[in-house]
Amino acid sequence: MIKYLLDTHAILWIAENSPRLSEKAKDVIINPDTIKYVSVASAWEVAIKLSIGKLKLHEGLSEFYQIIHSNRVSMLPIEESYLEELVNLPFIHKDPFDRLLVATALTESMTILTADENIHKYNVSWIW
């Protein structure tokens, strides 16, 4: 069974039914039988963006959690093994949250749902 790790934008775009969300990604997210995860790093990223006004959610961070739960997405903590993998990643992507997603996916043998072209440059399974 394939396990999917959703990039932050994927979970936000499903909530707003954004046309930027690919059909393949949308199918994975709305399918109740797929195994889907989001990293706590994504919640951290959302919290930062909310605090600096770069992102607006009517109910703040709790709305992000509602989106996750309503789409049957589980939240992963940051494990030591992810950080060990992160140390060995080539420095292709400069965004620390996205680098952590790559390390998480590699450690857990997950497929990342992302439109991010820089993530596509890593030797990690992804779809969009």
Protein backbone atom coordinates (compact mmCIF):
# COMPACT_ATOMS: atom_id res chain seq x y z
CA MET A 1 0.00 0.00 0.00
CA ILE A 2 1.38 3.40 -0.99
CA LYS A 3 1.71 5.97 1.79
CA TYR A 4 1.42 9.60 0.74
CA LEU A 5 2.98 12.65 2.36
CA LEU A 6 1.13 15.83 1.42
CA ASP A 7 3.06 19.02 0.87
CA THR A 8 1.58 22.00 2.71
CA HIS A 9 0.14 23.56 -0.42
CA ALA A 10 -1.62 20.31 -1.39
CA ILE A 11 -3.66 20.20 1.80
CA LEU A 12 -4.47 23.92 1.61
CA TRP A 13 -5.46 23.72 -2.06
CA ILE A 14 -7.85 20.81 -1.47
CA ALA A 15 -9.66 22.93 1.11
CA GLU A 16 -10.18 25.79 -1.31
CA ASN A 17 -10.83 23.50 -4.29
CA SER A 18 -8.00 25.28 -6.10
CA PRO A 19 -7.55 24.73 -9.83
CA ARG A 20 -3.80 24.52 -9.09
CA LEU A 21 -4.42 21.08 -7.52
CA SER A 22 -3.83 18.37 -10.11
CA GLU A 23 -6.54 15.79 -10.72
CA LYS A 24 -4.17 13.00 -9.69
CA ALA A 25 -3.37 14.73 -6.38
CA LYS A 26 -7.04 15.52 -5.79
CA ASP A 27 -8.00 11.88 -6.36
CA VAL A 28 -5.42 10.71 -3.80
CA ILE A 29 -6.53 13.25 -1.19
CA ILE A 30 -10.28 12.71 -1.46
CA ASN A 31 -10.03 8.91 -1.60
CA PRO A 32 -10.88 7.70 1.92
CA ASP A 33 -8.92 4.48 1.33
CA THR A 34 -5.53 6.08 0.69
CA ILE A 35 -3.03 6.38 3.53
CA LYS A 36 -2.24 10.08 3.83
CA TYR A 37 0.05 12.02 6.11
CA VAL A 38 1.07 15.59 6.70
CA SER A 39 4.18 16.53 8.65
CA VAL A 40 3.95 18.58 11.82
CA ALA A 41 6.44 20.76 9.92
CA SER A 42 3.55 21.75 7.63
CA ALA A 43 1.51 22.89 10.65
CA TRP A 44 4.57 24.83 11.81
CA GLU A 45 4.90 26.41 8.35
CA VAL A 46 1.21 27.36 8.35
CA ALA A 47 1.54 28.86 11.85
CA ILE A 48 4.45 31.03 10.72
CA LYS A 49 2.65 32.15 7.56
CA LEU A 50 -0.47 32.99 9.57
CA SER A 51 1.55 35.02 12.07
CA ILE A 52 3.27 37.13 9.39
CA GLY A 53 0.10 37.60 7.33
CA LYS A 54 1.29 35.55 4.35
CA LEU A 55 -1.65 33.15 4.76
CA LYS A 56 -5.24 33.77 5.81
CA LEU A 57 -7.47 31.12 7.36
CA HIS A 58 -10.73 32.32 8.93
CA GLU A 59 -10.28 30.10 11.97
CA GLY A 60 -6.50 30.28 12.12
CA LEU A 61 -4.42 27.20 12.77
CA SER A 62 -7.45 25.25 14.00
CA GLU A 63 -8.86 25.50 10.46
CA PHE A 64 -5.72 23.80 9.14
CA TYR A 65 -6.29 20.97 11.63
CA GLN A 66 -9.94 20.71 10.54
CA ILE A 67 -8.84 20.39 6.91
CA ILE A 68 -6.46 17.60 7.86
CA HIS A 69 -9.04 15.68 9.90
CA SER A 70 -11.87 16.09 7.40
CA ASN A 71 -9.66 14.58 4.69
CA ARG A 72 -8.53 11.68 6.90
CA VAL A 73 -4.93 12.83 6.94
CA SER A 74 -2.73 11.83 9.88
CA MET A 75 -0.06 14.13 11.28
CA LEU A 76 3.49 12.84 11.60
CA PRO A 77 5.89 14.14 14.25
CA ILE A 78 9.49 14.98 13.41
CA GLU A 79 11.56 11.90 14.20
CA GLU A 80 15.30 11.75 14.83
CA SER A 81 15.69 9.48 11.81
CA TYR A 82 14.21 12.20 9.55
CA LEU A 83 16.83 14.65 10.77
CA GLU A 84 19.58 12.09 10.19
CA GLU A 85 18.36 11.74 6.60
CA LEU A 86 18.14 15.52 6.27
CA VAL A 87 21.84 15.86 7.08
CA ASN A 88 22.68 13.70 4.06
CA LEU A 89 20.38 15.40 1.54
CA PRO A 90 21.98 17.31 -1.30
CA PHE A 91 21.28 21.03 -0.94
CA ILE A 92 18.95 21.28 -3.95
CA HIS A 93 16.06 22.92 -2.12
CA LYS A 94 16.66 25.86 0.19
CA ASP A 95 13.29 25.72 2.01
CA PRO A 96 13.86 23.94 5.34
CA PHE A 97 10.25 22.68 5.55
CA ASP A 98 10.41 21.11 2.10
CA ARG A 99 13.82 19.56 2.81
CA LEU A 100 12.30 17.96 5.91
CA LEU A 101 9.41 16.60 3.83
CA VAL A 102 11.89 14.98 1.44
CA ALA A 103 13.83 13.45 4.34
CA THR A 104 10.59 12.19 5.91
CA ALA A 105 9.40 10.63 2.66
CA LEU A 106 12.73 8.94 2.07
CA THR A 107 12.90 7.54 5.60
CA GLU A 108 9.29 6.31 5.61
CA SER A 109 9.20 5.19 1.94
CA MET A 110 6.39 7.61 1.13
CA THR A 111 5.30 9.31 -2.06
CA ILE A 112 5.13 13.10 -1.80
CA LEU A 113 2.16 14.93 -3.28
CA THR A 114 3.70 18.18 -4.45
CA ALA A 115 3.77 20.65 -7.31
CA ASP A 116 7.17 21.88 -6.10
CA GLU A 117 9.65 21.42 -8.96
CA ASN A 118 12.62 21.50 -6.58
CA ILE A 119 11.31 18.49 -4.66
CA HIS A 120 11.00 16.66 -7.99
CA LYS A 121 14.81 16.99 -8.36
CA TYR A 122 15.43 14.69 -5.38
CA ASN A 123 15.55 10.91 -5.66
CA VAL A 124 12.19 10.64 -3.94
CA SER A 125 8.88 9.24 -5.12
CA TRP A 126 6.39 12.00 -5.93
CA ILE A 127 3.23 12.58 -7.89
CA TRP A 128 1.33 15.58 -9.08
